[in-house]
Amino acid sequence: MSGKTIVNVWTSAIPLSLSKGEEEKRLKILNPGEKRRHNSMRSEARQREYLFSHALARVKIAEAIGVAPAELPLVFEVGKRPQLAVHHPPSLPAGRHGTIHHPLHLSLTHSAQMAAVALAPFPVGIDMEPVGRMKHIDDVARRMFAPEEAEEILALEGDKKKLRFTRYWTLREAFYKASGMPLADMTKGVVFSIDDDEKVRFTINHQRSTIINPLSPWHFSLHRPAPGHILAVAALSQREVKVELEK
């Protein structure tokens, strides 16, 4: 196995407010199900985050594969990972009809300030969080992280504690999205560690999950897409992975 495969990650800042024209421009490219989901949200902030992340996914992925954003065959189902549909829409250029022979995988994430989408030819998951957003760090670490991770976090203070917690949190979320591993297994069975140079190491210390092979070639990386934000990428690939982060 040689060479690297690419994970494209696009990010966008989310403004505090949208003009009616900007909102309508983005809503126009969503499918009916996405529009219903957007309109059902009572919080304007949640609507704005949803709209930006989904519009970003449609624009960037459509550009990557050469279709119009509104025609991109994306399927978003509540509680399930977003995915490309099996068939291309009929309006694609000649020679591009039929099934997708090389399925692409995608993942979305957003915070109150930023949205991001990843695209790769293998399972991929991303998560992004502002450092310090989570409250009660010690309690959450004890409950949700592996003992080794929690012990490390509890030994830190101040900004170092917040940063390490956010890194572990985003890594776990990214892995969960990419793998579909049961949350019960995620809580204590997965252990991350981070070197001084931010190289991520990963182990599975249980035998309960039938979904994840401990020997599978998982790749993890941490990024700073904007000041105060951490973005984690998890990818399952037989080849070395390179993350290309773009705005």
Protein backbone atom coordinates (compact mmCIF):
# COMPACT_ATOMS: atom_id res chain seq x y z
CA MET A 1 0.00 0.00 0.00
CA SER A 2 1.52 3.32 -1.05
CA GLY A 3 0.45 6.89 -1.55
CA LYS A 4 -2.13 8.85 0.34
CA THR A 5 -5.87 9.18 0.03
CA ILE A 6 -7.54 12.51 0.62
CA VAL A 7 -10.17 13.62 3.10
CA ASN A 8 -11.56 16.96 1.97
CA VAL A 9 -12.85 19.10 4.83
CA TRP A 10 -14.57 22.42 4.16
CA THR A 11 -15.42 24.91 6.91
CA SER A 12 -17.51 28.05 7.06
CA ALA A 13 -18.16 30.63 9.74
CA ILE A 14 -21.81 30.95 10.80
CA PRO A 15 -22.94 34.58 11.21
CA LEU A 16 -25.03 35.72 14.15
CA SER A 17 -27.85 36.66 11.80
CA LEU A 18 -28.95 36.16 8.19
CA SER A 19 -30.75 38.48 5.82
CA LYS A 20 -33.94 37.13 4.30
CA GLY A 21 -32.23 36.93 0.94
CA GLU A 22 -29.28 34.92 2.27
CA GLU A 23 -31.61 32.56 4.09
CA GLU A 24 -33.76 31.97 1.01
CA LYS A 25 -30.67 31.44 -1.15
CA ARG A 26 -29.57 28.54 1.04
CA LEU A 27 -33.03 27.11 1.61
CA LYS A 28 -33.52 26.95 -2.15
CA ILE A 29 -30.92 24.20 -2.56
CA LEU A 30 -32.18 21.94 0.26
CA ASN A 31 -34.50 19.03 -0.49
CA PRO A 32 -38.07 18.93 0.89
CA GLY A 33 -37.11 16.78 3.88
CA GLU A 34 -34.31 19.14 4.87
CA LYS A 35 -36.63 22.13 4.56
CA ARG A 36 -39.23 20.47 6.79
CA ARG A 37 -36.57 19.67 9.36
CA HIS A 38 -35.27 23.24 9.25
CA ASN A 39 -38.75 24.76 9.59
CA SER A 40 -39.63 22.48 12.53
CA MET A 41 -36.84 23.93 14.68
CA ARG A 42 -38.08 26.52 17.15
CA SER A 43 -34.71 28.12 17.83
CA GLU A 44 -33.45 30.59 15.23
CA ALA A 45 -29.88 29.73 16.22
CA ARG A 46 -30.47 26.02 15.59
CA GLN A 47 -32.14 26.79 12.28
CA ARG A 48 -29.15 28.88 11.24
CA GLU A 49 -26.66 26.14 12.20
CA TYR A 50 -28.66 23.47 10.39
CA LEU A 51 -29.10 25.62 7.29
CA PHE A 52 -25.42 26.54 7.07
CA SER A 53 -24.11 23.01 7.57
CA HIS A 54 -26.48 21.43 5.05
CA ALA A 55 -26.03 24.18 2.46
CA LEU A 56 -22.25 23.94 2.88
CA ALA A 57 -22.41 20.18 2.30
CA ARG A 58 -24.50 20.57 -0.83
CA VAL A 59 -22.40 23.33 -2.36
CA LYS A 60 -18.98 21.80 -1.71
CA ILE A 61 -19.81 18.17 -2.50
CA ALA A 62 -21.76 19.16 -5.62
CA GLU A 63 -18.76 21.16 -6.77
CA ALA A 64 -16.45 18.19 -6.11
CA ILE A 65 -18.48 15.74 -8.22
CA GLY A 66 -19.78 18.19 -10.83
CA VAL A 67 -23.52 18.56 -10.22
CA ALA A 68 -25.83 21.38 -9.16
CA PRO A 69 -26.22 21.69 -5.35
CA ALA A 70 -30.00 21.23 -5.47
CA GLU A 71 -29.58 18.05 -7.54
CA LEU A 72 -26.99 16.44 -5.30
CA PRO A 73 -28.42 13.04 -4.25
CA LEU A 74 -27.90 13.51 -0.53
CA VAL A 75 -30.01 11.67 2.01
CA PHE A 76 -30.35 13.11 5.51
CA GLU A 77 -32.34 11.06 8.00
CA VAL A 78 -32.75 12.00 11.66
CA GLY A 79 -30.58 9.75 13.80
CA LYS A 80 -28.65 8.36 10.82
CA ARG A 81 -25.43 9.30 9.08
CA PRO A 82 -25.86 11.47 5.96
CA GLN A 83 -25.10 9.64 2.74
CA LEU A 84 -25.09 9.90 -1.01
CA ALA A 85 -27.97 8.13 -2.70
CA VAL A 86 -27.24 5.08 -4.81
CA HIS A 87 -28.32 6.64 -8.13
CA HIS A 88 -27.35 9.87 -9.85
CA PRO A 89 -30.17 12.30 -10.72
CA PRO A 90 -31.28 12.14 -14.39
CA SER A 91 -30.03 15.67 -15.16
CA LEU A 92 -26.37 14.70 -14.86
CA PRO A 93 -24.22 15.07 -18.02
CA ALA A 94 -24.06 12.19 -20.45
CA GLY A 95 -21.98 9.32 -19.19
CA ARG A 96 -22.63 10.18 -15.52
CA HIS A 97 -25.96 8.35 -15.15
CA GLY A 98 -26.57 5.16 -13.21
CA THR A 99 -25.13 3.92 -9.98
CA ILE A 100 -22.16 5.45 -8.18
CA HIS A 101 -19.36 2.97 -8.75
CA HIS A 102 -17.08 4.51 -6.12
CA PRO A 103 -19.33 5.58 -3.23
CA LEU A 104 -18.29 8.67 -1.35
CA HIS A 105 -18.74 9.07 2.39
CA LEU A 106 -19.53 12.32 4.14
CA SER A 107 -19.81 13.73 7.62
CA LEU A 108 -21.17 17.01 8.96
CA THR A 109 -20.59 18.96 12.14
CA HIS A 110 -21.37 22.42 13.44
CA SER A 111 -21.06 24.61 16.50
CA ALA A 112 -22.78 27.92 17.15
CA GLN A 113 -20.00 29.70 15.23
CA MET A 114 -18.85 27.27 12.53
CA ALA A 115 -19.98 24.50 10.17
CA ALA A 116 -17.83 21.83 8.53
CA VAL A 117 -18.31 18.96 6.09
CA ALA A 118 -15.95 16.13 5.14
CA LEU A 119 -15.91 14.03 1.98
CA ALA A 120 -13.83 10.87 1.39
CA PRO A 121 -13.89 7.60 -0.58
CA PHE A 122 -13.98 5.64 2.70
CA PRO A 123 -15.84 5.90 6.03
CA VAL A 124 -15.13 9.26 7.63
CA GLY A 125 -16.38 11.20 10.65
CA ILE A 126 -15.68 14.73 11.83
CA ASP A 127 -16.53 16.70 14.94
CA MET A 128 -15.80 20.30 15.84
CA GLU A 129 -16.15 22.10 19.17
CA PRO A 130 -15.10 25.44 20.66
CA VAL A 131 -12.61 24.93 23.49
CA GLY A 132 -14.27 25.47 26.86
CA ARG A 133 -17.88 25.05 25.70
CA MET A 134 -18.52 22.02 27.86
CA LYS A 135 -19.25 22.60 31.54
CA HIS A 136 -18.52 20.20 34.42
CA ILE A 137 -15.55 18.73 32.58
CA ASP A 138 -14.43 16.40 35.37
CA ASP A 139 -17.86 14.83 35.78
CA VAL A 140 -18.32 14.32 32.04
CA ALA A 141 -14.83 12.82 31.68
CA ARG A 142 -15.47 10.31 34.49
CA ARG A 143 -18.80 9.29 32.99
CA MET A 144 -18.07 9.29 29.25
CA PHE A 145 -14.34 8.67 28.81
CA ALA A 146 -12.07 5.71 29.39
CA PRO A 147 -10.43 5.72 32.86
CA GLU A 148 -7.02 6.50 31.34
CA GLU A 149 -8.38 9.56 29.55
CA ALA A 150 -10.36 10.77 32.56
CA GLU A 151 -7.36 10.43 34.86
CA GLU A 152 -5.26 12.51 32.48
CA ILE A 153 -7.88 15.26 32.26
CA LEU A 154 -8.47 15.39 36.02
CA ALA A 155 -4.74 15.93 36.57
CA LEU A 156 -4.76 19.12 34.44
CA GLU A 157 -6.00 22.61 35.26
CA GLY A 158 -7.32 25.69 33.49
CA ASP A 159 -6.86 26.04 29.73
CA LYS A 160 -4.80 22.84 29.48
CA LYS A 161 -7.70 20.85 30.97
CA LYS A 162 -10.23 22.46 28.61
CA LEU A 163 -8.04 21.84 25.56
CA ARG A 164 -7.31 18.20 26.37
CA PHE A 165 -10.96 17.51 27.15
CA THR A 166 -12.08 19.09 23.85
CA ARG A 167 -9.55 17.04 21.89
CA TYR A 168 -10.72 13.77 23.44
CA TRP A 169 -14.38 14.73 23.07
CA THR A 170 -14.08 15.56 19.35
CA LEU A 171 -12.02 12.43 18.65
CA ARG A 172 -14.67 10.25 20.24
CA GLU A 173 -17.49 11.98 18.37
CA ALA A 174 -15.64 11.72 15.05
CA PHE A 175 -14.97 8.02 15.60
CA TYR A 176 -18.58 7.40 16.60
CA LYS A 177 -19.81 9.04 13.39
CA ALA A 178 -17.38 7.14 11.16
CA SER A 179 -17.74 3.72 12.76
CA GLY A 180 -21.33 3.48 13.93
CA MET A 181 -19.97 1.81 17.07
CA PRO A 182 -22.56 1.47 19.87
CA LEU A 183 -22.37 4.25 22.44
CA ALA A 184 -22.25 1.67 25.22
CA ASP A 185 -19.00 0.37 23.76
CA MET A 186 -17.67 3.87 23.09
CA THR A 187 -17.87 4.95 26.73
CA LYS A 188 -15.19 2.76 28.28
CA GLY A 189 -14.01 0.47 25.49
CA VAL A 190 -12.20 3.02 23.32
CA VAL A 191 -9.04 4.74 24.53
CA PHE A 192 -7.30 7.68 22.87
CA SER A 193 -3.96 9.21 23.74
CA ILE A 194 -2.29 12.29 22.25
CA ASP A 195 1.46 12.79 21.93
CA ASP A 196 3.19 16.13 22.44
CA ASP A 197 3.25 16.57 18.66
CA GLU A 198 -0.55 15.94 18.58
CA LYS A 199 -0.19 12.49 17.01
CA VAL A 200 -3.24 10.47 18.03
CA ARG A 201 -3.00 6.89 19.27
CA PHE A 202 -6.03 4.63 19.59
CA THR A 203 -6.84 1.28 21.17
CA ILE A 204 -9.95 -0.82 21.78
CA ASN A 205 -9.77 -2.61 25.12
CA HIS A 206 -12.89 -4.78 24.94
CA GLN A 207 -14.36 -7.64 22.94
CA ARG A 208 -18.03 -6.69 23.05
CA SER A 209 -18.34 -4.89 19.74
CA THR A 210 -18.93 -7.01 16.66
CA ILE A 211 -18.82 -3.90 14.46
CA ILE A 212 -15.23 -2.78 14.98
CA ASN A 213 -12.18 -4.91 14.28
CA PRO A 214 -9.39 -3.75 16.62
CA LEU A 215 -6.92 -4.31 13.77
CA SER A 216 -8.81 -2.08 11.31
CA PRO A 217 -6.66 0.70 9.82
CA TRP A 218 -8.14 3.74 11.55
CA HIS A 219 -6.55 7.16 11.11
CA PHE A 220 -7.13 10.16 13.38
CA SER A 221 -6.02 13.77 13.26
CA LEU A 222 -6.66 17.04 15.10
CA HIS A 223 -6.94 20.47 13.50
CA ARG A 224 -7.62 24.10 14.39
CA PRO A 225 -10.03 25.42 11.74
CA ALA A 226 -10.41 28.73 13.59
CA PRO A 227 -9.13 30.33 16.81
CA GLY A 228 -10.60 28.55 19.82
CA HIS A 229 -11.95 25.60 17.83
CA ILE A 230 -10.80 21.98 17.61
CA LEU A 231 -11.77 19.72 14.70
CA ALA A 232 -11.15 15.96 14.80
CA VAL A 233 -11.15 13.61 11.80
CA ALA A 234 -11.58 9.83 11.95
CA ALA A 235 -11.10 7.79 8.79
CA LEU A 236 -11.07 4.08 7.95
CA SER A 237 -8.64 3.57 5.09
CA GLN A 238 -6.14 0.95 3.97
CA ARG A 239 -3.82 3.72 2.80
CA GLU A 240 -2.29 6.69 4.58
CA VAL A 241 -4.72 9.58 4.93
CA LYS A 242 -4.13 13.25 4.20
CA VAL A 243 -6.65 15.82 5.42
CA GLU A 244 -7.06 18.87 3.22
CA LEU A 245 -8.75 21.63 5.18
CA GLU A 246 -10.32 24.41 3.14
CA LYS A 247 -12.60 27.40 3.77
